[in-house]
Amino acid sequence: MNPRIISYRDRLDNLYRKTSTISDQNDRKEWSKYLCVLTSGWIEESLRTLLNDYARFNASPKIQHYVSKEIDNITNCKTDKIIQILSKFDAEWGKQFEEKIDNRSPIHREIKDSIDTVVANRHRIAHGRSVGMTYTRISGFYNYCKTAIEVLDEIIA
């Protein structure tokens, strides 16, 4: 896996560990919102990084430049959007991603629903809306997001 993705994950793992030790529930909820925002950003950044690396190793400099500019502004990476973006590179990638996260979900659609919930809550948080984000919930979502990013790495790398 790309070192930038690993570094981001390690930083998140550390923040999750620190947040788990916060005893004040209100403080813990606020940190959980922050973790939600960072987790959503990690999904986006991981997808951009993997696609940029793919282009760098498999395409001409002009195509690399185009890909870099096109994916620079990837946001709102709910599962369907990830599948759509992957399918633009290779129709099989989108299918593989959907199948693999479904196969690795202990409960039907749990990984998909976790990604989509993290991204949706990130928007609510950013716009000052109330969210019922607890540390337990975001921690569970984060673990499923890790699995999804591992799947992305398997498919694209």
Foldseek 3Di string as FASTA:
>chain_A
DDPVLVVLVVVLVVLLVVLVPDDDQVVSQVSLLVSLLSLQVSLLVLLLVLQLVLCVVPHDPVVSVVSNVVSVPDHLPQLVVSLVVLVVVPVVLSVQLVVVLQVPDPDGCPLNVLNNVSSVSNVCVVVPHDDPGGSVSSVVSSVSSVVSSVSVNVRRD
